[in-house]
């Protein structure tokens, strides 16, 4: 038994769309959270190193 053309194309398209060669892309919310944490961490480190 052979697969229909449409079924083969659908499976190929699904495999193609599921690929993530550089890892999963983060959402804007995740990036914003990380940026906020980084800025806060950097500010805290600067405060510890400088007396004023």
Protein backbone atom coordinates (compact mmCIF):
# COMPACT_ATOMS: atom_id res chain seq x y z
CA UNK A 1 0.00 0.00 0.00
CA UNK A 2 1.29 3.41 -0.87
CA UNK A 3 0.61 6.72 0.77
CA UNK A 4 -1.34 9.37 -1.03
CA UNK A 5 0.51 12.38 -2.41
CA UNK A 6 -1.32 14.69 -0.02
CA UNK A 7 -0.44 12.57 3.00
CA UNK A 8 3.25 12.47 2.05
CA UNK A 9 3.33 16.23 1.53
CA UNK A 10 1.56 16.85 4.83
CA UNK A 11 4.05 14.66 6.69
CA UNK A 12 7.00 16.34 4.96
CA UNK A 13 5.64 19.80 5.76
CA UNK A 14 5.11 18.80 9.39
CA UNK A 15 8.71 17.58 9.70
CA UNK A 16 9.96 20.75 8.07
CA UNK A 17 7.95 23.03 10.37
CA UNK A 18 9.01 21.15 13.52
CA UNK A 19 12.72 21.75 12.95
CA UNK A 20 14.53 24.09 15.31
CA UNK A 21 18.17 24.06 14.21
CA UNK A 22 19.23 26.82 16.62
CA UNK A 23 17.11 25.73 19.55
CA UNK A 24 13.70 26.87 20.58
CA UNK A 25 13.03 30.57 20.02
CA UNK A 26 12.14 32.43 23.20
CA UNK A 27 9.01 34.53 23.42
CA UNK A 28 9.19 38.29 23.82
CA UNK A 29 7.96 37.91 27.41
CA UNK A 30 10.83 35.57 28.25
CA UNK A 31 13.36 37.90 26.64
CA UNK A 32 11.93 40.88 28.51
CA UNK A 33 12.09 38.98 31.82
CA UNK A 34 15.72 38.05 31.20
CA UNK A 35 16.61 41.61 30.20
CA UNK A 36 14.95 42.95 33.36
CA UNK A 37 16.83 40.49 35.55
CA UNK A 38 20.11 41.32 33.86
CA UNK A 39 19.68 45.06 34.31
CA UNK A 40 18.76 44.59 37.96
CA UNK A 41 21.70 42.26 38.56
CA UNK A 42 24.13 44.67 36.88
CA UNK A 43 22.81 47.58 38.93
CA UNK A 44 23.22 45.60 42.16
CA UNK A 45 26.79 44.64 41.28
CA UNK A 46 27.70 48.25 40.51
CA UNK A 47 26.25 49.35 43.84
CA UNK A 48 28.37 46.83 45.72
CA UNK A 49 31.58 47.88 43.96
CA UNK A 50 31.13 51.65 44.36
CA UNK A 51 30.80 53.35 47.75
CA UNK A 52 28.44 56.05 46.42
